Amino acid sequence: MAQAPINKIINFSSVDGPGNRMAIFLQTCPFSCWYCHNPETIKACIHCGDCVLTCPSDALHMIDGKVVWDEDKCTQCDTCIRTCKYSSTPKILEMSAESLIKRVREVKPFIKGVTVSGGECMNHPDFLLDFFTLVKAEGLGTLLDSNGFRRFADYPKLMEVCDGVMLDVKASDPAFHQELTKADNSMVLLNLEQLLNTHKLQEVRIVILPNKPDENERTIRYVASIIQDKAPLKLLRYRPFGVRDEGLKELGMGNTSLEEMNRCLDLAKSLNVKDIEIK
């Protein structure tokens, strides 16, 4: 079975889909968003060794030219993440679907399903197919939290065992999306329509940015024109916690104002979006 780099496992989450769920975060992402709250998931470790020198608990070692993490010694102080200059972390577990499903079974009586996020989960589609097949066999739900950079229709077997996708739409304008994420958004917008048409769109998420009212409005209008009253919309308030220096420079240290959040909420309502949530 395929393996994937696991960044984090949260046994019980109430914010990663409906009900109590296990949330699993995979390493690596093709986007590099200004406001990324977990930028240490963007790149794979290049094994430079800088973090080994700063680890206060002796949980990191260079072995055969690679950084090796000792999970038992780790105190989760995140000194290694603060040390890393490459948007990565050495605290990664390479796991197969078979080994990960054992972790799921430990909490199965207490969860409704599993959500796989990132980084970007669709960087590892073969692993997702193996893992979701096992999860469905356990009678649990399966969701993806994705930026939509890959065409989901190209993975029909995966979509058969996936209940739905929580799709992040960063921006509708191609030029601003490129500035915001360092990536193209044409596939994201294509996925928005295709997921809706195949009843796999769990929800759409838009981060409402401070000092970018025109971009916020443009994205909401575009998304609303597609989903109308057929899918939930979640408006996420920008908060600067964990954001990289580039993001802080572009968006500032303050939260998006409540006035802008309410303006965007009213706009979405006026565009026939019925199921809207602000976070």
C-alpha atoms as a PDB file:
ATOM      1  CA  MET A   1       0.000   0.000   0.000  1.00  0.00           C
ATOM      2  CA  ALA A   2       1.052   3.574  -0.672  1.00  0.00           C
ATOM      3  CA  GLN A   3       2.595   5.642   2.101  1.00  0.00           C
ATOM      4  CA  ALA A   4       2.232   9.324   2.925  1.00  0.00           C
ATOM      5  CA  PRO A   5       4.077  11.796   5.185  1.00  0.00           C
ATOM      6  CA  ILE A   6       1.850  12.459   8.195  1.00  0.00           C
ATOM      7  CA  ASN A   7       2.358  15.850   9.812  1.00  0.00           C
ATOM      8  CA  LYS A   8      -0.245  15.622  12.558  1.00  0.00           C
ATOM      9  CA  ILE A   9      -3.149  13.508  13.771  1.00  0.00           C
ATOM     10  CA  ILE A  10      -5.915  15.064  15.864  1.00  0.00           C
ATOM     11  CA  ASN A  11      -8.023  12.288  17.338  1.00  0.00           C
ATOM     12  CA  PHE A  12     -11.073  14.442  18.015  1.00  0.00           C
ATOM     13  CA  SER A  13     -11.981  17.552  16.030  1.00  0.00           C
ATOM     14  CA  SER A  14     -15.295  19.379  15.778  1.00  0.00           C
ATOM     15  CA  VAL A  15     -14.132  21.909  13.142  1.00  0.00           C
ATOM     16  CA  ASP A  16     -13.049  19.597  10.309  1.00  0.00           C
ATOM     17  CA  GLY A  17     -16.427  18.521   9.028  1.00  0.00           C
ATOM     18  CA  PRO A  18     -19.720  17.453  10.620  1.00  0.00           C
ATOM     19  CA  GLY A  19     -19.659  15.681  13.962  1.00  0.00           C
ATOM     20  CA  ASN A  20     -16.675  14.542  15.946  1.00  0.00           C
ATOM     21  CA  ARG A  21     -13.932  13.479  13.529  1.00  0.00           C
ATOM     22  CA  MET A  22     -10.326  12.388  13.365  1.00  0.00           C
ATOM     23  CA  ALA A  23      -8.365  15.009  11.413  1.00  0.00           C
ATOM     24  CA  ILE A  24      -5.176  13.955   9.627  1.00  0.00           C
ATOM     25  CA  PHE A  25      -2.749  16.475   8.156  1.00  0.00           C
ATOM     26  CA  LEU A  26      -0.435  15.418   5.333  1.00  0.00           C
ATOM     27  CA  GLN A  27       2.846  17.118   4.479  1.00  0.00           C
ATOM     28  CA  THR A  28       3.548  19.244   1.350  1.00  0.00           C
ATOM     29  CA  CYS A  29       1.405  21.724  -0.555  1.00  0.00           C
ATOM     30  CA  PRO A  30       1.681  23.254  -4.051  1.00  0.00           C
ATOM     31  CA  PHE A  31       0.352  26.595  -2.753  1.00  0.00           C
ATOM     32  CA  SER A  32       2.243  29.089  -0.622  1.00  0.00           C
ATOM     33  CA  CYS A  33      -0.538  31.273   0.748  1.00  0.00           C
ATOM     34  CA  TRP A  34       0.159  34.565   2.484  1.00  0.00           C
ATOM     35  CA  TYR A  35      -2.080  33.630   5.398  1.00  0.00           C
ATOM     36  CA  CYS A  36      -1.137  29.963   5.807  1.00  0.00           C
ATOM     37  CA  HIS A  37      -1.558  29.086   9.493  1.00  0.00           C
ATOM     38  CA  ASN A  38       0.630  25.971   9.252  1.00  0.00           C
ATOM     39  CA  PRO A  39       3.430  26.980   6.857  1.00  0.00           C
ATOM     40  CA  GLU A  40       5.606  24.154   8.179  1.00  0.00           C
ATOM     41  CA  THR A  41       3.445  21.805   6.065  1.00  0.00           C
ATOM     42  CA  ILE A  42       4.292  23.411   2.709  1.00  0.00           C
ATOM     43  CA  LYS A  43       7.583  21.720   1.818  1.00  0.00           C
ATOM     44  CA  ALA A  44       9.220  18.360   2.402  1.00  0.00           C
ATOM     45  CA  CYS A  45      12.247  18.356   4.710  1.00  0.00           C
ATOM     46  CA  ILE A  46      15.515  18.835   2.799  1.00  0.00           C
ATOM     47  CA  HIS A  47      17.547  17.372   5.690  1.00  0.00           C
ATOM     48  CA  CYS A  48      19.814  20.387   6.087  1.00  0.00           C
ATOM     49  CA  GLY A  49      20.295  19.564   9.774  1.00  0.00           C
ATOM     50  CA  ASP A  50      19.767  23.077  11.159  1.00  0.00           C
ATOM     51  CA  CYS A  51      16.996  21.877  13.461  1.00  0.00           C
ATOM     52  CA  VAL A  52      19.173  19.098  14.890  1.00  0.00           C
ATOM     53  CA  LEU A  53      21.512  21.698  16.355  1.00  0.00           C
ATOM     54  CA  THR A  54      18.724  23.604  18.101  1.00  0.00           C
ATOM     55  CA  CYS A  55      16.552  20.762  19.467  1.00  0.00           C
ATOM     56  CA  PRO A  56      16.543  21.133  23.293  1.00  0.00           C
ATOM     57  CA  SER A  57      15.281  17.602  23.963  1.00  0.00           C
ATOM     58  CA  ASP A  58      17.739  15.638  21.789  1.00  0.00           C
ATOM     59  CA  ALA A  59      14.824  14.329  19.715  1.00  0.00           C
ATOM     60  CA  LEU A  60      16.483  14.983  16.338  1.00  0.00           C
ATOM     61  CA  HIS A  61      19.552  13.280  14.889  1.00  0.00           C
ATOM     62  CA  MET A  62      21.334  13.123  11.539  1.00  0.00           C
ATOM     63  CA  ILE A  63      21.506   9.497  10.421  1.00  0.00           C
ATOM     64  CA  ASP A  64      22.878   8.611   6.983  1.00  0.00           C
ATOM     65  CA  GLY A  65      22.403  12.188   5.826  1.00  0.00           C
ATOM     66  CA  LYS A  66      18.776  12.472   6.947  1.00  0.00           C
ATOM     67  CA  VAL A  67      17.121  14.123   9.922  1.00  0.00           C
ATOM     68  CA  VAL A  68      15.450  11.441  12.068  1.00  0.00           C
ATOM     69  CA  TRP A  69      12.799  12.375  14.620  1.00  0.00           C
ATOM     70  CA  ASP A  70      12.444  10.492  17.912  1.00  0.00           C
ATOM     71  CA  GLU A  71       8.779  10.977  18.782  1.00  0.00           C
ATOM     72  CA  ASP A  72       9.225   9.587  22.309  1.00  0.00           C
ATOM     73  CA  LYS A  73      11.839  12.203  23.233  1.00  0.00           C
ATOM     74  CA  CYS A  74      10.019  15.102  21.581  1.00  0.00           C
ATOM     75  CA  THR A  75       8.391  17.632  23.935  1.00  0.00           C
ATOM     76  CA  GLN A  76       6.504  19.409  21.109  1.00  0.00           C
ATOM     77  CA  CYS A  77       8.238  22.712  21.831  1.00  0.00           C
ATOM     78  CA  ASP A  78       8.352  23.461  18.063  1.00  0.00           C
ATOM     79  CA  THR A  79      11.873  24.867  18.229  1.00  0.00           C
ATOM     80  CA  CYS A  80      12.625  22.897  15.053  1.00  0.00           C
ATOM     81  CA  ILE A  81       9.746  24.555  13.204  1.00  0.00           C
ATOM     82  CA  ARG A  82      10.898  28.012  14.273  1.00  0.00           C
ATOM     83  CA  THR A  83      14.435  27.129  13.180  1.00  0.00           C
ATOM     84  CA  CYS A  84      13.475  25.854   9.733  1.00  0.00           C
ATOM     85  CA  LYS A  85      13.957  28.348   6.879  1.00  0.00           C
ATOM     86  CA  TYR A  86      12.269  26.155   4.289  1.00  0.00           C
ATOM     87  CA  SER A  87       8.577  25.956   5.363  1.00  0.00           C
ATOM     88  CA  SER A  88       8.990  22.416   6.619  1.00  0.00           C
ATOM     89  CA  THR A  89       9.335  20.275   9.731  1.00  0.00           C
ATOM     90  CA  PRO A  90      11.317  17.179  10.667  1.00  0.00           C
ATOM     91  CA  LYS A  91       8.400  15.870  12.750  1.00  0.00           C
ATOM     92  CA  ILE A  92       6.957  13.611  10.066  1.00  0.00           C
ATOM     93  CA  LEU A  93       5.791  10.001  10.226  1.00  0.00           C
ATOM     94  CA  GLU A  94       5.786   8.029   6.982  1.00  0.00           C
ATOM     95  CA  MET A  95       2.722   5.827   7.360  1.00  0.00           C
ATOM     96  CA  SER A  96       0.876   3.335   5.207  1.00  0.00           C
ATOM     97  CA  ALA A  97      -2.903   3.220   5.039  1.00  0.00           C
ATOM     98  CA  GLU A  98      -2.819  -0.035   7.004  1.00  0.00           C
ATOM     99  CA  SER A  99      -0.824   1.490   9.854  1.00  0.00           C
ATOM    100  CA  LEU A 100      -2.990   4.617   9.942  1.00  0.00           C
ATOM    101  CA  ILE A 101      -6.273   2.693  10.053  1.00  0.00           C
ATOM    102  CA  LYS A 102      -5.056   1.107  13.283  1.00  0.00           C
ATOM    103  CA  ARG A 103      -4.999   4.603  14.812  1.00  0.00           C
ATOM    104  CA  VAL A 104      -8.522   5.182  13.533  1.00  0.00           C
ATOM    105  CA  ARG A 105      -9.786   1.968  15.110  1.00  0.00           C
ATOM    106  CA  GLU A 106      -8.519   3.112  18.516  1.00  0.00           C
ATOM    107  CA  VAL A 107     -11.027   6.002  18.520  1.00  0.00           C
ATOM    108  CA  LYS A 108     -13.692   4.557  16.217  1.00  0.00           C
ATOM    109  CA  PRO A 109     -16.465   4.416  18.863  1.00  0.00           C
ATOM    110  CA  PHE A 110     -16.124   8.159  19.452  1.00  0.00           C
ATOM    111  CA  ILE A 111     -15.982   9.586  15.912  1.00  0.00           C
ATOM    112  CA  LYS A 112     -18.354  10.036  12.990  1.00  0.00           C
ATOM    113  CA  GLY A 113     -15.662  10.020  10.347  1.00  0.00           C
ATOM    114  CA  VAL A 114     -12.216  11.012   9.162  1.00  0.00           C
ATOM    115  CA  THR A 115     -11.084  14.212   7.445  1.00  0.00           C
ATOM    116  CA  VAL A 116      -7.740  14.385   5.625  1.00  0.00           C
ATOM    117  CA  SER A 117      -6.196  17.822   5.238  1.00  0.00           C
ATOM    118  CA  GLY A 118      -2.704  19.257   4.863  1.00  0.00           C
ATOM    119  CA  GLY A 119      -0.580  20.731   3.548  1.00  0.00           C
ATOM    120  CA  GLU A 120      -2.563  19.522   0.608  1.00  0.00           C
ATOM    121  CA  CYS A 121      -4.090  16.071   0.831  1.00  0.00           C
ATOM    122  CA  MET A 122      -4.339  15.622  -2.964  1.00  0.00           C
ATOM    123  CA  ASN A 123      -0.561  15.578  -3.203  1.00  0.00           C
ATOM    124  CA  HIS A 124      -0.998  11.935  -2.114  1.00  0.00           C
ATOM    125  CA  PRO A 125      -3.991  10.516  -4.064  1.00  0.00           C
ATOM    126  CA  ASP A 126      -2.812   6.883  -4.119  1.00  0.00           C
ATOM    127  CA  PHE A 127      -2.511   6.895  -0.347  1.00  0.00           C
ATOM    128  CA  LEU A 128      -5.941   8.499  -0.005  1.00  0.00           C
ATOM    129  CA  LEU A 129      -7.551   5.793  -2.113  1.00  0.00           C
ATOM    130  CA  ASP A 130      -6.011   3.030   0.017  1.00  0.00           C
ATOM    131  CA  PHE A 131      -6.831   4.773   3.272  1.00  0.00           C
ATOM    132  CA  PHE A 132     -10.407   5.821   2.476  1.00  0.00           C
ATOM    133  CA  THR A 133     -11.197   2.315   1.238  1.00  0.00           C
ATOM    134  CA  LEU A 134     -10.215   1.002   4.670  1.00  0.00           C
ATOM    135  CA  VAL A 135     -12.084   3.797   6.473  1.00  0.00           C
ATOM    136  CA  LYS A 136     -15.306   3.077   4.590  1.00  0.00           C
ATOM    137  CA  ALA A 137     -14.951  -0.608   5.462  1.00  0.00           C
ATOM    138  CA  GLU A 138     -15.053   0.496   9.112  1.00  0.00           C
ATOM    139  CA  GLY A 139     -18.385   2.236   8.491  1.00  0.00           C
ATOM    140  CA  LEU A 140     -16.988   5.758   8.949  1.00  0.00           C
ATOM    141  CA  GLY A 141     -17.353   8.909   6.872  1.00  0.00           C
ATOM    142  CA  THR A 142     -14.590  10.308   4.661  1.00  0.00           C
ATOM    143  CA  LEU A 143     -13.907  13.946   3.781  1.00  0.00           C
ATOM    144  CA  LEU A 144     -11.106  15.812   2.045  1.00  0.00           C
ATOM    145  CA  ASP A 145     -10.072  19.362   2.960  1.00  0.00           C
ATOM    146  CA  SER A 146      -8.428  20.565  -0.252  1.00  0.00           C
ATOM    147  CA  ASN A 147      -7.296  23.627  -2.193  1.00  0.00           C
ATOM    148  CA  GLY A 148      -8.490  21.934  -5.388  1.00  0.00           C
ATOM    149  CA  PHE A 149      -5.252  22.105  -7.344  1.00  0.00           C
ATOM    150  CA  ARG A 150      -5.882  18.671  -8.910  1.00  0.00           C
ATOM    151  CA  ARG A 151      -8.915  17.682 -10.956  1.00  0.00           C
ATOM    152  CA  PHE A 152     -10.969  15.363  -8.756  1.00  0.00           C
ATOM    153  CA  ALA A 153     -12.692  13.865 -11.790  1.00  0.00           C
ATOM    154  CA  ASP A 154      -9.343  12.303 -12.722  1.00  0.00           C
ATOM    155  CA  TYR A 155      -9.592  10.119  -9.587  1.00  0.00           C
ATOM    156  CA  PRO A 156     -12.964   8.356  -9.924  1.00  0.00           C
ATOM    157  CA  LYS A 157     -12.071   5.454  -7.622  1.00  0.00           C
ATOM    158  CA  LEU A 158     -11.014   7.861  -4.877  1.00  0.00           C
ATOM    159  CA  MET A 159     -14.203   9.895  -5.273  1.00  0.00           C
ATOM    160  CA  GLU A 160     -16.272   6.715  -4.920  1.00  0.00           C
ATOM    161  CA  VAL A 161     -14.965   6.254  -1.376  1.00  0.00           C
ATOM    162  CA  CYS A 162     -14.914   9.983  -0.563  1.00  0.00           C
ATOM    163  CA  ASP A 163     -18.107  11.438   0.885  1.00  0.00           C
ATOM    164  CA  GLY A 164     -17.207  15.004  -0.037  1.00  0.00           C
ATOM    165  CA  VAL A 165     -14.663  17.786  -0.373  1.00  0.00           C
ATOM    166  CA  MET A 166     -14.351  20.919   1.721  1.00  0.00           C
ATOM    167  CA  LEU A 167     -12.976  23.205  -0.992  1.00  0.00           C
ATOM    168  CA  ASP A 168     -10.900  26.293  -0.268  1.00  0.00           C
ATOM    169  CA  VAL A 169     -11.386  29.029  -2.854  1.00  0.00           C
ATOM    170  CA  LYS A 170      -8.617  31.509  -2.149  1.00  0.00           C
ATOM    171  CA  ALA A 171      -9.514  34.027  -4.869  1.00  0.00           C
ATOM    172  CA  SER A 172     -11.501  34.069  -8.099  1.00  0.00           C
ATOM    173  CA  ASP A 173      -9.310  36.584  -9.928  1.00  0.00           C
ATOM    174  CA  PRO A 174      -6.404  34.680 -11.557  1.00  0.00           C
ATOM    175  CA  ALA A 175      -3.849  37.462 -11.104  1.00  0.00           C
ATOM    176  CA  PHE A 176      -4.657  37.995  -7.426  1.00  0.00           C
ATOM    177  CA  HIS A 177      -4.735  34.246  -6.777  1.00  0.00           C
ATOM    178  CA  GLN A 178      -1.235  33.991  -8.262  1.00  0.00           C
ATOM    179  CA  GLU A 179      -0.063  36.822  -6.012  1.00  0.00           C
ATOM    180  CA  LEU A 180      -1.760  35.352  -2.958  1.00  0.00           C
ATOM    181  CA  THR A 181      -0.753  31.698  -3.355  1.00  0.00           C
ATOM    182  CA  LYS A 182       2.037  31.579  -5.976  1.00  0.00           C
ATOM    183  CA  ALA A 183      -0.199  29.221  -7.975  1.00  0.00           C
ATOM    184  CA  ASP A 184      -2.850  29.135 -10.707  1.00  0.00           C
ATOM    185  CA  ASN A 185      -6.550  28.863  -9.818  1.00  0.00           C
ATOM    186  CA  SER A 186      -8.095  27.545 -13.054  1.00  0.00           C
ATOM    187  CA  MET A 187      -8.345  23.980 -11.704  1.00  0.00           C
ATOM    188  CA  VAL A 188      -9.813  25.217  -8.413  1.00  0.00           C
ATOM    189  CA  LEU A 189     -12.664  26.964 -10.216  1.00  0.00           C
ATOM    190  CA  LEU A 190     -13.236  23.951 -12.471  1.00  0.00           C
ATOM    191  CA  ASN A 191     -13.410  21.691  -9.410  1.00  0.00           C
ATOM    192  CA  LEU A 192     -15.910  24.039  -7.777  1.00  0.00           C
ATOM    193  CA  GLU A 193     -18.413  23.389 -10.566  1.00  0.00           C
ATOM    194  CA  GLN A 194     -17.654  19.700 -11.019  1.00  0.00           C
ATOM    195  CA  LEU A 195     -17.878  18.881  -7.313  1.00  0.00           C
ATOM    196  CA  LEU A 196     -21.209  20.687  -7.102  1.00  0.00           C
ATOM    197  CA  ASN A 197     -22.556  18.838 -10.133  1.00  0.00           C
ATOM    198  CA  THR A 198     -21.467  15.443  -8.755  1.00  0.00           C
ATOM    199  CA  HIS A 199     -22.840  16.175  -5.257  1.00  0.00           C
ATOM    200  CA  LYS A 200     -19.392  15.953  -3.699  1.00  0.00           C
ATOM    201  CA  LEU A 201     -19.103  19.574  -2.561  1.00  0.00           C
ATOM    202  CA  GLN A 202     -19.286  19.422   1.242  1.00  0.00           C
ATOM    203  CA  GLU A 203     -18.711  23.162   1.646  1.00  0.00           C
ATOM    204  CA  VAL A 204     -16.813  26.101   0.168  1.00  0.00           C
ATOM    205  CA  ARG A 205     -14.415  28.083   2.324  1.00  0.00           C
ATOM    206  CA  ILE A 206     -13.298  31.662   1.659  1.00  0.00           C
ATOM    207  CA  VAL A 207     -10.834  33.548   3.871  1.00  0.00           C
ATOM    208  CA  ILE A 208     -12.015  37.135   4.189  1.00  0.00           C
ATOM    209  CA  LEU A 209      -8.924  39.329   3.986  1.00  0.00           C
ATOM    210  CA  PRO A 210      -8.279  42.658   5.712  1.00  0.00           C
ATOM    211  CA  ASN A 211      -7.734  45.661   3.438  1.00  0.00           C
ATOM    212  CA  LYS A 212      -8.862  43.691   0.356  1.00  0.00           C
ATOM    213  CA  PRO A 213     -12.598  44.485   0.110  1.00  0.00           C
ATOM    214  CA  ASP A 214     -12.709  44.356  -3.689  1.00  0.00           C
ATOM    215  CA  GLU A 215     -11.052  40.931  -3.807  1.00  0.00           C
ATOM    216  CA  ASN A 216     -13.317  39.624  -1.056  1.00  0.00           C
ATOM    217  CA  GLU A 217     -16.381  40.785  -2.942  1.00  0.00           C
ATOM    218  CA  ARG A 218     -15.172  39.463  -6.289  1.00  0.00           C
ATOM    219  CA  THR A 219     -14.561  35.982  -4.850  1.00  0.00           C
ATOM    220  CA  ILE A 220     -17.882  35.847  -3.000  1.00  0.00           C
ATOM    221  CA  ARG A 221     -19.790  36.925  -6.113  1.00  0.00           C
ATOM    222  CA  TYR A 222     -18.082  34.275  -8.210  1.00  0.00           C
ATOM    223  CA  VAL A 223     -18.619  31.451  -5.717  1.00  0.00           C
ATOM    224  CA  ALA A 224     -22.234  32.497  -5.117  1.00  0.00           C
ATOM    225  CA  SER A 225     -22.937  32.468  -8.848  1.00  0.00           C
ATOM    226  CA  ILE A 226     -21.909  28.797  -8.911  1.00  0.00           C
ATOM    227  CA  ILE A 227     -23.283  27.359  -5.677  1.00  0.00           C
ATOM    228  CA  GLN A 228     -26.320  29.639  -5.091  1.00  0.00           C
ATOM    229  CA  ASP A 229     -28.424  27.727  -2.541  1.00  0.00           C
ATOM    230  CA  LYS A 230     -26.983  24.293  -3.343  1.00  0.00           C
ATOM    231  CA  ALA A 231     -23.945  24.150  -1.024  1.00  0.00           C
ATOM    232  CA  PRO A 232     -22.818  25.646   2.292  1.00  0.00           C
ATOM    233  CA  LEU A 233     -20.452  28.615   2.349  1.00  0.00           C
ATOM    234  CA  LYS A 234     -18.058  29.271   5.214  1.00  0.00           C
ATOM    235  CA  LEU A 235     -16.521  32.749   5.561  1.00  0.00           C
ATOM    236  CA  LEU A 236     -13.295  32.559   7.546  1.00  0.00           C
ATOM    237  CA  ARG A 237     -11.953  35.596   9.354  1.00  0.00           C
ATOM    238  CA  TYR A 238      -8.264  36.269   8.714  1.00  0.00           C
ATOM    239  CA  ARG A 239      -6.232  36.050  11.886  1.00  0.00           C
ATOM    240  CA  PRO A 240      -2.464  36.594  11.978  1.00  0.00           C
ATOM    241  CA  PHE A 241      -1.595  33.647  14.234  1.00  0.00           C
ATOM    242  CA  GLY A 242       1.174  31.518  12.730  1.00  0.00           C
ATOM    243  CA  VAL A 243       1.213  33.519   9.498  1.00  0.00           C
ATOM    244  CA  ARG A 244       4.538  33.881   7.685  1.00  0.00           C
ATOM    245  CA  ASP A 245       6.363  37.223   7.505  1.00  0.00           C
ATOM    246  CA  GLU A 246       5.266  37.720   3.901  1.00  0.00           C
ATOM    247  CA  GLY A 247       1.640  37.336   4.911  1.00  0.00           C
ATOM    248  CA  LEU A 248       1.996  39.717   7.836  1.00  0.00           C
ATOM    249  CA  LYS A 249       3.609  42.260   5.511  1.00  0.00           C
ATOM    250  CA  GLU A 250       0.777  42.031   2.985  1.00  0.00           C
ATOM    251  CA  LEU A 251      -2.189  41.633   5.352  1.00  0.00           C
ATOM    252  CA  GLY A 252      -1.031  43.090   8.652  1.00  0.00           C
ATOM    253  CA  MET A 253      -1.144  42.013  12.276  1.00  0.00           C
ATOM    254  CA  GLY A 254      -4.831  42.666  12.845  1.00  0.00           C
ATOM    255  CA  ASN A 255      -7.864  40.464  12.300  1.00  0.00           C
ATOM    256  CA  THR A 256     -10.293  41.179   9.502  1.00  0.00           C
ATOM    257  CA  SER A 257     -12.739  43.711  10.909  1.00  0.00           C
ATOM    258  CA  LEU A 258     -16.169  42.605  12.052  1.00  0.00           C
ATOM    259  CA  GLU A 259     -17.607  45.247   9.745  1.00  0.00           C
ATOM    260  CA  GLU A 260     -15.993  43.560   6.725  1.00  0.00           C
ATOM    261  CA  MET A 261     -17.111  40.124   7.883  1.00  0.00           C
ATOM    262  CA  ASN A 262     -20.701  41.327   8.239  1.00  0.00           C
ATOM    263  CA  ARG A 263     -20.545  43.118   4.877  1.00  0.00           C
ATOM    264  CA  CYS A 264     -19.425  39.902   3.210  1.00  0.00           C
ATOM    265  CA  LEU A 265     -22.119  37.934   5.038  1.00  0.00           C
ATOM    266  CA  ASP A 266     -24.816  40.328   3.843  1.00  0.00           C
ATOM    267  CA  LEU A 267     -23.429  40.184   0.313  1.00  0.00           C
ATOM    268  CA  ALA A 268     -23.536  36.377   0.237  1.00  0.00           C
ATOM    269  CA  LYS A 269     -27.113  36.394   1.561  1.00  0.00           C
ATOM    270  CA  SER A 270     -28.156  38.854  -1.136  1.00  0.00           C
ATOM    271  CA  LEU A 271     -26.748  36.485  -3.772  1.00  0.00           C
ATOM    272  CA  ASN A 272     -29.066  33.616  -2.787  1.00  0.00           C
ATOM    273  CA  VAL A 273     -26.572  31.648  -0.665  1.00  0.00           C
ATOM    274  CA  LYS A 274     -28.747  30.134   2.044  1.00  0.00           C
ATOM    275  CA  ASP A 275     -26.338  28.179   4.236  1.00  0.00           C
ATOM    276  CA  ILE A 276     -23.623  30.565   5.446  1.00  0.00           C
ATOM    277  CA  GLU A 277     -21.375  30.332   8.476  1.00  0.00           C
ATOM    278  CA  ILE A 278     -18.791  32.772   9.804  1.00  0.00           C
ATOM    279  CA  LYS A 279     -15.734  31.469  11.611  1.00  0.00           C
END
